[in-house]
Each structure stands twice: as C-alpha cells, then as structure tokens.
N, C-alpha and C. Protein backbone atom coordinates (compact mmCIF):
# COMPACT_ATOMS: atom_id res chain seq x y z
N MET A 1 89.74 111.14 102.84
CA MET A 1 91.15 111.37 102.50
C MET A 1 92.04 110.81 103.61
N ILE A 2 93.07 110.09 103.24
CA ILE A 2 94.02 109.54 104.20
C ILE A 2 95.17 110.53 104.34
N TYR A 3 95.31 111.12 105.53
CA TYR A 3 96.34 112.13 105.77
C TYR A 3 97.72 111.50 105.92
N SER A 4 97.78 110.40 106.64
CA SER A 4 99.06 109.74 106.86
C SER A 4 98.83 108.29 107.24
N LEU A 5 99.90 107.51 107.15
CA LEU A 5 99.89 106.12 107.59
C LEU A 5 101.02 105.93 108.60
N THR A 6 100.70 105.31 109.72
CA THR A 6 101.73 104.94 110.69
C THR A 6 101.59 103.45 110.96
N GLY A 7 102.64 102.74 110.68
CA GLY A 7 102.59 101.30 110.86
C GLY A 7 103.94 100.67 110.63
N LYS A 8 103.94 99.35 110.48
CA LYS A 8 105.18 98.60 110.29
C LYS A 8 105.60 98.64 108.82
N TYR A 9 106.83 98.99 108.61
CA TYR A 9 107.41 98.98 107.26
C TYR A 9 107.78 97.54 106.94
N VAL A 10 107.02 96.91 106.03
CA VAL A 10 107.18 95.47 105.80
C VAL A 10 107.84 95.10 104.48
N ALA A 11 107.82 95.97 103.49
CA ALA A 11 108.42 95.62 102.20
C ALA A 11 108.64 96.86 101.37
N ALA A 12 109.52 96.73 100.39
CA ALA A 12 109.77 97.83 99.45
C ALA A 12 110.34 97.28 98.16
N GLU A 13 110.00 97.94 97.08
CA GLU A 13 110.58 97.69 95.78
C GLU A 13 110.81 99.06 95.15
N PRO A 14 111.61 99.13 94.09
CA PRO A 14 111.81 100.44 93.46
C PRO A 14 110.47 101.09 93.11
N GLY A 15 110.23 102.25 93.71
CA GLY A 15 109.00 102.98 93.40
C GLY A 15 107.92 102.91 94.44
N PHE A 16 107.98 101.96 95.37
CA PHE A 16 106.94 101.92 96.40
C PHE A 16 107.41 101.21 97.66
N ALA A 17 106.69 101.50 98.75
CA ALA A 17 106.91 100.84 100.04
C ALA A 17 105.57 100.31 100.52
N VAL A 18 105.60 99.29 101.36
CA VAL A 18 104.38 98.72 101.92
C VAL A 18 104.39 98.95 103.43
N ILE A 19 103.35 99.60 103.92
CA ILE A 19 103.20 99.89 105.34
C ILE A 19 102.01 99.11 105.86
N GLU A 20 102.23 98.31 106.88
CA GLU A 20 101.16 97.48 107.45
C GLU A 20 100.51 98.19 108.62
N CYS A 21 99.22 98.42 108.50
CA CYS A 21 98.45 99.09 109.55
C CYS A 21 97.24 98.22 109.89
N GLY A 22 97.16 97.74 111.12
CA GLY A 22 96.03 96.92 111.53
C GLY A 22 95.87 95.66 110.71
N GLY A 23 96.98 95.07 110.29
CA GLY A 23 96.92 93.84 109.53
C GLY A 23 96.72 94.03 108.04
N VAL A 24 96.61 95.28 107.58
CA VAL A 24 96.44 95.57 106.16
C VAL A 24 97.70 96.23 105.63
N GLY A 25 98.23 95.70 104.54
CA GLY A 25 99.42 96.28 103.94
C GLY A 25 99.05 97.30 102.88
N PHE A 26 99.42 98.56 103.10
CA PHE A 26 99.12 99.64 102.15
C PHE A 26 100.33 99.89 101.26
N GLN A 27 100.11 99.78 99.96
CA GLN A 27 101.16 100.07 98.99
C GLN A 27 101.20 101.57 98.74
N CYS A 28 102.34 102.17 99.04
CA CYS A 28 102.50 103.61 98.85
C CYS A 28 103.59 103.86 97.82
N PHE A 29 103.20 104.41 96.69
CA PHE A 29 104.19 104.79 95.69
C PHE A 29 104.92 106.02 96.20
N THR A 30 106.22 106.05 95.98
CA THR A 30 107.01 107.12 96.57
C THR A 30 108.27 107.38 95.78
N SER A 31 109.04 108.34 96.24
CA SER A 31 110.29 108.72 95.58
C SER A 31 111.44 107.90 96.14
N MET A 32 112.53 107.87 95.39
CA MET A 32 113.73 107.21 95.89
C MET A 32 114.27 107.93 97.13
N SER A 33 114.01 109.22 97.21
CA SER A 33 114.47 109.98 98.37
C SER A 33 113.83 109.46 99.64
N THR A 34 112.51 109.23 99.61
CA THR A 34 111.83 108.68 100.78
C THR A 34 112.29 107.26 101.05
N LEU A 35 112.42 106.45 100.02
CA LEU A 35 112.85 105.06 100.22
C LEU A 35 114.21 104.98 100.91
N THR A 36 115.12 105.87 100.56
CA THR A 36 116.45 105.83 101.17
C THR A 36 116.43 106.31 102.62
N ARG A 37 115.36 107.04 103.01
CA ARG A 37 115.28 107.51 104.40
C ARG A 37 114.55 106.53 105.31
N LEU A 38 113.92 105.51 104.75
CA LEU A 38 113.17 104.57 105.58
C LEU A 38 114.12 103.73 106.43
N PRO A 39 113.68 103.36 107.63
CA PRO A 39 114.53 102.53 108.50
C PRO A 39 114.53 101.07 108.03
N GLN A 40 115.10 100.21 108.81
CA GLN A 40 115.09 98.79 108.47
C GLN A 40 113.66 98.26 108.48
N GLN A 41 113.41 97.27 107.64
CA GLN A 41 112.08 96.66 107.60
C GLN A 41 111.73 96.08 108.97
N GLY A 42 110.48 96.25 109.34
CA GLY A 42 110.02 95.82 110.66
C GLY A 42 109.86 96.98 111.62
N ALA A 43 110.47 98.12 111.29
CA ALA A 43 110.36 99.30 112.15
C ALA A 43 109.04 100.02 111.88
N THR A 44 108.63 100.84 112.84
CA THR A 44 107.42 101.64 112.68
C THR A 44 107.77 102.95 111.98
N VAL A 45 106.99 103.29 110.96
CA VAL A 45 107.25 104.51 110.22
C VAL A 45 105.94 105.27 110.00
N THR A 46 106.08 106.54 109.66
CA THR A 46 104.94 107.37 109.27
C THR A 46 105.21 107.93 107.89
N LEU A 47 104.23 107.77 107.00
CA LEU A 47 104.30 108.39 105.68
C LEU A 47 103.12 109.34 105.53
N TYR A 48 103.39 110.54 105.04
CA TYR A 48 102.33 111.51 104.76
C TYR A 48 101.85 111.24 103.34
N THR A 49 100.54 111.13 103.18
CA THR A 49 100.01 110.55 101.95
C THR A 49 99.14 111.48 101.12
N HIS A 50 99.12 111.14 99.84
CA HIS A 50 98.20 111.75 98.87
C HIS A 50 97.45 110.61 98.20
N MET A 51 96.13 110.68 98.19
CA MET A 51 95.34 109.61 97.60
C MET A 51 94.75 110.07 96.28
N SER A 52 94.97 109.28 95.24
CA SER A 52 94.45 109.57 93.91
C SER A 52 93.34 108.58 93.60
N VAL A 53 92.16 109.08 93.24
CA VAL A 53 91.01 108.23 92.92
C VAL A 53 90.63 108.44 91.46
N THR A 54 90.70 107.37 90.67
CA THR A 54 90.30 107.42 89.27
C THR A 54 89.26 106.33 89.03
N GLU A 55 88.79 106.25 87.80
CA GLU A 55 87.80 105.21 87.47
C GLU A 55 88.35 103.81 87.66
N ASN A 56 89.66 103.66 87.45
CA ASN A 56 90.25 102.32 87.46
C ASN A 56 91.01 101.96 88.73
N ALA A 57 91.35 102.94 89.55
CA ALA A 57 92.19 102.61 90.70
C ALA A 57 92.13 103.68 91.78
N ILE A 58 92.44 103.25 92.99
CA ILE A 58 92.69 104.15 94.12
C ILE A 58 94.16 103.96 94.48
N THR A 59 94.93 105.02 94.36
CA THR A 59 96.37 104.91 94.52
C THR A 59 96.85 105.83 95.64
N LEU A 60 97.74 105.31 96.47
CA LEU A 60 98.33 106.09 97.55
C LEU A 60 99.77 106.45 97.21
N TYR A 61 100.12 107.69 97.48
CA TYR A 61 101.50 108.16 97.36
C TYR A 61 101.93 108.60 98.74
N GLY A 62 103.07 108.13 99.19
CA GLY A 62 103.49 108.44 100.56
C GLY A 62 104.90 108.99 100.63
N PHE A 63 105.11 109.91 101.59
CA PHE A 63 106.40 110.58 101.72
C PHE A 63 106.78 110.71 103.19
N SER A 64 108.06 110.64 103.44
CA SER A 64 108.53 110.68 104.82
C SER A 64 108.51 112.09 105.41
N GLU A 65 108.42 113.10 104.56
CA GLU A 65 108.42 114.48 105.04
C GLU A 65 107.25 115.26 104.43
N LYS A 66 106.67 116.14 105.23
CA LYS A 66 105.53 116.93 104.74
C LYS A 66 105.93 117.83 103.59
N THR A 67 107.16 118.34 103.61
CA THR A 67 107.59 119.23 102.54
C THR A 67 107.63 118.49 101.20
N GLU A 68 108.00 117.21 101.24
CA GLU A 68 108.05 116.43 100.00
C GLU A 68 106.63 116.19 99.47
N LEU A 69 105.70 115.92 100.37
CA LEU A 69 104.30 115.76 99.97
C LEU A 69 103.76 117.06 99.36
N SER A 70 104.03 118.18 99.99
CA SER A 70 103.57 119.47 99.47
C SER A 70 104.14 119.74 98.09
N CYS A 71 105.42 119.43 97.92
CA CYS A 71 106.07 119.65 96.63
C CYS A 71 105.46 118.72 95.57
N PHE A 72 105.19 117.48 95.94
CA PHE A 72 104.56 116.53 95.02
C PHE A 72 103.21 117.06 94.54
N ARG A 73 102.41 117.58 95.47
CA ARG A 73 101.09 118.10 95.10
C ARG A 73 101.21 119.32 94.20
N MET A 74 102.20 120.16 94.45
CA MET A 74 102.41 121.30 93.57
C MET A 74 102.79 120.84 92.17
N LEU A 75 103.64 119.85 92.09
CA LEU A 75 104.11 119.37 90.78
C LEU A 75 102.97 118.77 89.98
N ILE A 76 102.12 117.95 90.60
CA ILE A 76 101.04 117.31 89.83
C ILE A 76 99.92 118.29 89.51
N SER A 77 99.98 119.50 90.07
CA SER A 77 98.99 120.51 89.70
C SER A 77 99.34 121.16 88.37
N VAL A 78 100.55 120.92 87.88
CA VAL A 78 100.99 121.47 86.60
C VAL A 78 100.42 120.62 85.47
N SER A 79 99.87 121.26 84.46
CA SER A 79 99.26 120.52 83.35
C SER A 79 100.30 119.64 82.66
N GLY A 80 99.94 118.38 82.46
CA GLY A 80 100.84 117.46 81.79
C GLY A 80 101.84 116.78 82.70
N ILE A 81 101.84 117.13 83.98
CA ILE A 81 102.75 116.51 84.94
C ILE A 81 101.95 115.52 85.79
N GLY A 82 102.18 114.25 85.56
CA GLY A 82 101.50 113.22 86.34
C GLY A 82 102.34 112.77 87.52
N PRO A 83 101.80 111.87 88.32
CA PRO A 83 102.53 111.36 89.49
C PRO A 83 103.89 110.75 89.14
N LYS A 84 103.97 110.04 88.00
CA LYS A 84 105.23 109.41 87.63
C LYS A 84 106.33 110.44 87.42
N ALA A 85 106.01 111.52 86.71
CA ALA A 85 107.01 112.56 86.47
C ALA A 85 107.36 113.28 87.76
N ALA A 86 106.35 113.51 88.61
CA ALA A 86 106.60 114.18 89.89
C ALA A 86 107.52 113.35 90.77
N LEU A 87 107.28 112.03 90.81
CA LEU A 87 108.14 111.16 91.61
C LEU A 87 109.56 111.11 91.04
N SER A 88 109.67 111.16 89.71
CA SER A 88 110.99 111.19 89.09
C SER A 88 111.76 112.44 89.51
N ILE A 89 111.07 113.57 89.52
CA ILE A 89 111.70 114.82 89.92
C ILE A 89 112.15 114.74 91.38
N LEU A 90 111.27 114.23 92.24
CA LEU A 90 111.59 114.18 93.67
C LEU A 90 112.56 113.06 94.01
N SER A 91 112.80 112.15 93.06
CA SER A 91 113.82 111.12 93.27
C SER A 91 115.21 111.66 92.97
N THR A 92 115.26 112.78 92.25
CA THR A 92 116.53 113.38 91.85
C THR A 92 116.84 114.65 92.63
N LEU A 93 115.80 115.45 92.87
CA LEU A 93 115.96 116.73 93.56
C LEU A 93 115.24 116.72 94.89
N THR A 94 115.80 117.38 95.88
CA THR A 94 115.08 117.55 97.14
C THR A 94 113.96 118.57 96.92
N PRO A 95 112.95 118.58 97.80
CA PRO A 95 111.91 119.61 97.69
C PRO A 95 112.49 121.02 97.68
N GLU A 96 113.55 121.21 98.47
CA GLU A 96 114.17 122.53 98.51
C GLU A 96 114.82 122.87 97.18
N ASP A 97 115.42 121.86 96.52
CA ASP A 97 116.02 122.09 95.20
C ASP A 97 114.94 122.48 94.18
N VAL A 98 113.81 121.77 94.22
CA VAL A 98 112.71 122.08 93.31
C VAL A 98 112.19 123.49 93.58
N ALA A 99 112.03 123.80 94.86
CA ALA A 99 111.52 125.12 95.24
C ALA A 99 112.44 126.22 94.75
N LEU A 100 113.73 126.02 94.92
CA LEU A 100 114.69 127.03 94.48
C LEU A 100 114.68 127.17 92.97
N ALA A 101 114.56 126.04 92.25
CA ALA A 101 114.52 126.08 90.79
C ALA A 101 113.32 126.88 90.31
N VAL A 102 112.16 126.67 90.94
CA VAL A 102 110.96 127.42 90.57
C VAL A 102 111.11 128.88 90.94
N GLY A 103 111.57 129.13 92.16
CA GLY A 103 111.69 130.51 92.61
C GLY A 103 112.65 131.34 91.79
N SER A 104 113.73 130.70 91.31
CA SER A 104 114.76 131.43 90.55
C SER A 104 114.60 131.29 89.05
N GLY A 105 113.63 130.47 88.61
CA GLY A 105 113.41 130.27 87.18
C GLY A 105 114.42 129.35 86.52
N ASP A 106 115.11 128.54 87.31
CA ASP A 106 116.15 127.66 86.79
C ASP A 106 115.55 126.32 86.36
N TYR A 107 114.92 126.30 85.17
CA TYR A 107 114.26 125.08 84.72
C TYR A 107 115.27 123.97 84.40
N LYS A 108 116.52 124.36 84.07
CA LYS A 108 117.52 123.35 83.71
C LYS A 108 117.80 122.40 84.87
N ALA A 109 117.66 122.89 86.10
CA ALA A 109 117.89 122.02 87.27
C ALA A 109 116.89 120.87 87.28
N ILE A 110 115.67 121.14 86.84
CA ILE A 110 114.62 120.12 86.87
C ILE A 110 114.85 119.06 85.79
N THR A 111 115.57 119.41 84.73
CA THR A 111 115.83 118.44 83.66
C THR A 111 116.80 117.35 84.11
N ARG A 112 117.38 117.48 85.29
CA ARG A 112 118.25 116.42 85.80
C ARG A 112 117.45 115.17 86.12
N ALA A 113 116.14 115.31 86.32
CA ALA A 113 115.30 114.16 86.64
C ALA A 113 115.12 113.28 85.41
N ASN A 114 115.13 111.99 85.61
CA ASN A 114 114.98 111.03 84.52
C ASN A 114 113.64 111.20 83.82
N GLY A 115 113.69 111.35 82.49
CA GLY A 115 112.46 111.46 81.71
C GLY A 115 111.84 112.83 81.68
N VAL A 116 112.49 113.81 82.26
CA VAL A 116 111.95 115.18 82.28
C VAL A 116 112.79 116.05 81.36
N GLY A 117 112.22 116.43 80.22
CA GLY A 117 112.93 117.25 79.25
C GLY A 117 112.74 118.73 79.49
N PRO A 118 113.39 119.56 78.68
CA PRO A 118 113.32 121.01 78.85
C PRO A 118 111.90 121.57 78.79
N LYS A 119 111.07 121.05 77.87
CA LYS A 119 109.71 121.58 77.75
C LYS A 119 108.90 121.35 79.02
N ILE A 120 108.99 120.15 79.57
CA ILE A 120 108.26 119.85 80.81
C ILE A 120 108.81 120.69 81.96
N ALA A 121 110.13 120.79 82.04
CA ALA A 121 110.75 121.56 83.12
C ALA A 121 110.33 123.03 83.05
N GLN A 122 110.32 123.59 81.84
CA GLN A 122 109.90 124.98 81.67
C GLN A 122 108.45 125.17 82.08
N ARG A 123 107.61 124.18 81.76
CA ARG A 123 106.20 124.26 82.13
C ARG A 123 106.04 124.28 83.65
N VAL A 124 106.83 123.46 84.33
CA VAL A 124 106.77 123.44 85.80
C VAL A 124 107.07 124.82 86.36
N VAL A 125 108.16 125.41 85.90
CA VAL A 125 108.56 126.72 86.42
C VAL A 125 107.53 127.79 86.10
N LEU A 126 107.10 127.85 84.84
CA LEU A 126 106.19 128.92 84.41
C LEU A 126 104.82 128.79 85.06
N GLU A 127 104.26 127.58 85.09
CA GLU A 127 102.91 127.42 85.65
C GLU A 127 102.88 127.65 87.14
N LEU A 128 103.91 127.19 87.85
CA LEU A 128 103.92 127.40 89.29
C LEU A 128 104.12 128.87 89.62
N LYS A 129 104.95 129.55 88.85
CA LYS A 129 105.12 130.99 89.08
C LYS A 129 103.80 131.72 88.84
N ASP A 130 103.08 131.33 87.77
CA ASP A 130 101.77 131.94 87.49
C ASP A 130 100.79 131.64 88.61
N LYS A 131 100.84 130.43 89.13
CA LYS A 131 99.95 130.04 90.22
C LYS A 131 100.21 130.92 91.44
N PHE A 132 101.47 131.17 91.74
CA PHE A 132 101.81 131.98 92.90
C PHE A 132 101.37 133.43 92.72
N LYS A 133 101.49 133.93 91.48
CA LYS A 133 101.03 135.30 91.21
C LYS A 133 99.53 135.43 91.50
N SER A 134 98.78 134.39 91.08
CA SER A 134 97.33 134.43 91.30
C SER A 134 96.97 134.32 92.77
N MET A 135 97.92 133.76 93.55
CA MET A 135 97.69 133.61 94.99
C MET A 135 98.21 134.82 95.77
N GLY A 136 98.74 135.79 95.04
CA GLY A 136 99.20 137.01 95.70
C GLY A 136 100.66 137.03 96.05
N ALA A 137 101.44 136.06 95.56
CA ALA A 137 102.86 136.06 95.83
C ALA A 137 103.58 137.00 94.87
N PRO A 138 104.53 137.79 95.35
CA PRO A 138 105.25 138.72 94.48
C PRO A 138 106.31 138.00 93.67
N ALA A 139 105.89 137.29 92.59
CA ALA A 139 106.83 136.49 91.81
C ALA A 139 107.94 137.34 91.20
N ASP A 140 107.65 138.57 90.85
CA ASP A 140 108.66 139.47 90.29
C ASP A 140 108.42 140.87 90.84
N LEU A 141 109.19 141.26 91.84
CA LEU A 141 109.03 142.58 92.40
C LEU A 141 109.72 143.60 91.50
N PRO A 142 109.10 144.76 91.30
CA PRO A 142 109.71 145.78 90.44
C PRO A 142 110.95 146.39 91.08
N ALA A 143 111.82 146.90 90.24
CA ALA A 143 113.03 147.53 90.74
C ALA A 143 112.67 148.70 91.65
N GLY A 144 113.36 148.77 92.78
CA GLY A 144 113.14 149.87 93.69
C GLY A 144 111.88 149.77 94.51
N ALA A 145 111.19 148.61 94.51
CA ALA A 145 109.97 148.48 95.28
C ALA A 145 110.25 148.71 96.75
N LYS A 146 109.49 149.66 97.33
CA LYS A 146 109.63 149.99 98.74
C LYS A 146 111.08 150.29 99.11
N GLY A 147 111.81 150.88 98.18
CA GLY A 147 113.18 151.26 98.46
C GLY A 147 114.17 150.12 98.43
N VAL A 148 113.73 148.93 98.05
CA VAL A 148 114.62 147.77 98.00
C VAL A 148 115.23 147.67 96.60
N PRO A 149 116.54 147.53 96.49
CA PRO A 149 117.16 147.40 95.16
C PRO A 149 116.57 146.23 94.40
N ALA A 150 116.59 146.32 93.08
CA ALA A 150 115.95 145.31 92.24
C ALA A 150 116.48 143.91 92.53
N ALA A 151 117.81 143.77 92.62
CA ALA A 151 118.39 142.44 92.83
C ALA A 151 117.92 141.85 94.15
N ALA A 152 117.92 142.66 95.20
CA ALA A 152 117.49 142.18 96.50
C ALA A 152 116.01 141.82 96.49
N ALA A 153 115.20 142.66 95.81
CA ALA A 153 113.77 142.38 95.73
C ALA A 153 113.53 141.04 95.05
N ASN A 154 114.31 140.77 94.00
CA ASN A 154 114.15 139.51 93.29
C ASN A 154 114.55 138.33 94.16
N HIS A 155 115.57 138.50 95.00
CA HIS A 155 115.96 137.43 95.93
C HIS A 155 114.81 137.10 96.86
N SER A 156 114.17 138.13 97.40
CA SER A 156 113.06 137.92 98.33
C SER A 156 111.87 137.28 97.63
N ALA A 157 111.56 137.74 96.43
CA ALA A 157 110.43 137.19 95.69
C ALA A 157 110.66 135.73 95.35
N ALA A 158 111.88 135.40 94.93
CA ALA A 158 112.20 134.01 94.61
C ALA A 158 112.09 133.14 95.84
N ALA A 159 112.52 133.66 96.98
CA ALA A 159 112.44 132.89 98.23
C ALA A 159 110.98 132.64 98.62
N ILE A 160 110.13 133.64 98.44
CA ILE A 160 108.70 133.46 98.75
C ILE A 160 108.09 132.39 97.86
N ASN A 161 108.37 132.46 96.56
CA ASN A 161 107.88 131.44 95.64
C ASN A 161 108.34 130.06 96.05
N ALA A 162 109.60 129.95 96.43
CA ALA A 162 110.16 128.66 96.81
C ALA A 162 109.47 128.11 98.06
N LEU A 163 109.22 128.95 99.03
CA LEU A 163 108.56 128.50 100.25
C LEU A 163 107.14 128.02 99.97
N MET A 164 106.49 128.64 98.99
CA MET A 164 105.13 128.22 98.63
C MET A 164 105.12 126.85 97.97
N VAL A 165 106.19 126.52 97.23
CA VAL A 165 106.31 125.18 96.67
C VAL A 165 106.33 124.15 97.80
N LEU A 166 106.88 124.54 98.93
CA LEU A 166 107.01 123.64 100.07
C LEU A 166 105.78 123.66 100.97
N GLY A 167 104.72 124.31 100.52
CA GLY A 167 103.46 124.27 101.24
C GLY A 167 103.17 125.44 102.15
N CYS A 168 104.00 126.45 102.12
CA CYS A 168 103.80 127.62 102.97
C CYS A 168 102.81 128.58 102.31
N GLN A 169 101.89 129.13 103.08
CA GLN A 169 100.95 130.11 102.55
C GLN A 169 101.68 131.40 102.17
N SER A 170 101.16 132.10 101.17
CA SER A 170 101.85 133.28 100.67
C SER A 170 102.09 134.33 101.76
N SER A 171 101.09 134.55 102.60
CA SER A 171 101.25 135.55 103.66
C SER A 171 102.31 135.15 104.67
N GLU A 172 102.34 133.85 105.01
CA GLU A 172 103.33 133.36 105.96
C GLU A 172 104.72 133.39 105.34
N ALA A 173 104.82 133.02 104.05
CA ALA A 173 106.11 133.06 103.38
C ALA A 173 106.65 134.49 103.33
N ALA A 174 105.77 135.44 103.02
CA ALA A 174 106.18 136.84 102.97
C ALA A 174 106.63 137.33 104.34
N ARG A 175 105.92 136.90 105.39
CA ARG A 175 106.29 137.31 106.75
C ARG A 175 107.67 136.77 107.12
N LEU A 176 107.92 135.50 106.80
CA LEU A 176 109.20 134.88 107.12
C LEU A 176 110.34 135.58 106.38
N VAL A 177 110.15 135.78 105.08
CA VAL A 177 111.21 136.37 104.27
C VAL A 177 111.50 137.81 104.68
N ALA A 178 110.47 138.52 105.10
CA ALA A 178 110.65 139.93 105.50
C ALA A 178 111.58 140.07 106.69
N GLY A 179 111.78 138.99 107.43
CA GLY A 179 112.63 139.05 108.62
C GLY A 179 114.11 138.93 108.33
N PHE A 180 114.48 138.77 107.05
CA PHE A 180 115.88 138.57 106.71
C PHE A 180 116.37 139.63 105.73
N ASP A 181 117.66 139.84 105.72
CA ASP A 181 118.29 140.82 104.84
C ASP A 181 118.03 140.43 103.39
N PRO A 182 117.32 141.26 102.61
CA PRO A 182 116.99 140.91 101.23
C PRO A 182 118.21 140.84 100.30
N SER A 183 119.35 141.34 100.76
CA SER A 183 120.55 141.27 99.92
C SER A 183 121.23 139.91 100.02
N LEU A 184 120.78 139.06 100.97
CA LEU A 184 121.33 137.71 101.07
C LEU A 184 120.98 136.90 99.82
N PRO A 185 121.78 135.90 99.48
CA PRO A 185 121.44 135.03 98.35
C PRO A 185 120.10 134.34 98.60
N THR A 186 119.38 134.06 97.53
CA THR A 186 118.08 133.40 97.66
C THR A 186 118.18 132.12 98.47
N GLU A 187 119.21 131.31 98.19
CA GLU A 187 119.38 130.04 98.89
C GLU A 187 119.47 130.24 100.40
N GLU A 188 120.19 131.28 100.82
CA GLU A 188 120.36 131.53 102.25
C GLU A 188 119.06 132.01 102.89
N ILE A 189 118.31 132.86 102.18
CA ILE A 189 117.02 133.31 102.71
C ILE A 189 116.09 132.11 102.90
N ILE A 190 116.07 131.21 101.93
CA ILE A 190 115.22 130.02 102.04
C ILE A 190 115.66 129.16 103.23
N ARG A 191 116.97 128.96 103.36
CA ARG A 191 117.47 128.13 104.46
C ARG A 191 117.08 128.71 105.82
N LEU A 192 117.25 130.02 105.97
CA LEU A 192 116.90 130.67 107.24
C LEU A 192 115.41 130.59 107.52
N ALA A 193 114.60 130.77 106.45
CA ALA A 193 113.16 130.70 106.60
C ALA A 193 112.70 129.29 107.01
N LEU A 194 113.35 128.26 106.43
CA LEU A 194 113.01 126.89 106.79
C LEU A 194 113.36 126.59 108.23
N VAL A 195 114.45 127.17 108.71
CA VAL A 195 114.81 127.01 110.12
C VAL A 195 113.72 127.61 111.00
N GLU A 196 113.24 128.79 110.63
CA GLU A 196 112.16 129.44 111.40
C GLU A 196 110.88 128.63 111.34
N MET A 197 110.56 128.08 110.15
CA MET A 197 109.37 127.24 110.01
C MET A 197 109.48 126.02 110.91
N GLY A 198 110.68 125.45 110.99
CA GLY A 198 110.89 124.26 111.82
C GLY A 198 110.68 124.54 113.29
N LYS A 199 110.97 125.75 113.73
CA LYS A 199 110.77 126.10 115.14
C LYS A 199 109.31 126.10 115.53
N GLY A 200 108.44 126.35 114.52
CA GLY A 200 107.01 126.43 114.81
C GLY A 200 106.30 125.10 114.73
N ILE A 201 107.02 124.05 114.31
CA ILE A 201 106.38 122.73 114.16
C ILE A 201 106.29 122.01 115.50
C-alpha cells in the first residue's frame, strides 16, 4: 500500500495530478479541492494516497490533506458509491461539510455535488450513520441521557459522527466532544474539536 507520494508536481488536468518521484510520474486522481490547493508546477508536494487494485487496473487517488483522504475512504465504503461519485462530492464540499451533513442527517447538502441525486445522498447519510453505530458511536443519544437535554445530546452525537467521517476513532471523538459545552451548535463543537485534533498532529 502506498501511504503517500512526495515529489515534483509536473502536470495536471481536470480530475488528476501527476507527481514525479524518482523519475516516475504517478497519476493521482483527485478532487478539484486538492487541485486548487496545489502550488505552481515544478514545486515539491505531498499527496496522501489510496490505491485501488482491480482486475483491469491499479489506480491511485491522492489528496493534499489527510482529512480529505479519510472522508474519501468513508464515502467509497458506502454501497453504490464509487471513486467517481466520491471525488464529485469532495470537489463540491469540504470534508468538514460532508462530515456535518452526515452527522446532522442533512442529505440535501450532499446533492449539491454534480451527479449525486437524493437517493445516493440519503444512502451516504444512512449507511455511514449505521456504520458509526456498529463502531460504538452514539449516533442518536436518547433524551435526558446522563442529564443532558435531548437537543444538546443530539449536537454532541452529530459532532462525534462528523469527526469519525474525518478519520477520528469513536473513542477519541467522544473524548474530544466531551470537553465542550453540549449546548453549542454542532458546527462549533466540530470546529473546536478539529482545533484540538490539530494541536496533537
């Protein structure tokens, strides 16, 4: 498995970038978000990669941020969601936007991506929420759980789900979220948690 590529950024076209490492140019399919963050051609860059091996091809997908790679992997784990649809979503929404949409159940936000209709968007939200439940994430906390009002509990649960979309383990996500006022909006809890995650990198 190729974890990342660091080399000279030599070419790009819509949908992919070419990174030259040791005289070999690696074609990395990617999102428009990553392409817009790349420096001028000729500069040294690092892309975090996912390698897909099928009978007909070995394909690399590369992203400038680990959170985008984690989100891509979560998206392609959904039945019926292939790399093309995942890249379309990440070309329109940031990983944080996707995470918030899943955590709050807002499938309509995902339909902003080109070629992604309501049925696919709903599948993304429902399957990822189910996946988190199986991993022990409190996707829907009951009203009054541990003395926390229902609305606040739901904010915390949505934030935990969102952090897991970004690659955070359920226990770590729960620990981070527990450090903040559960009455804060979900978006603010996620933002504060990401700041804390960044301090540990």
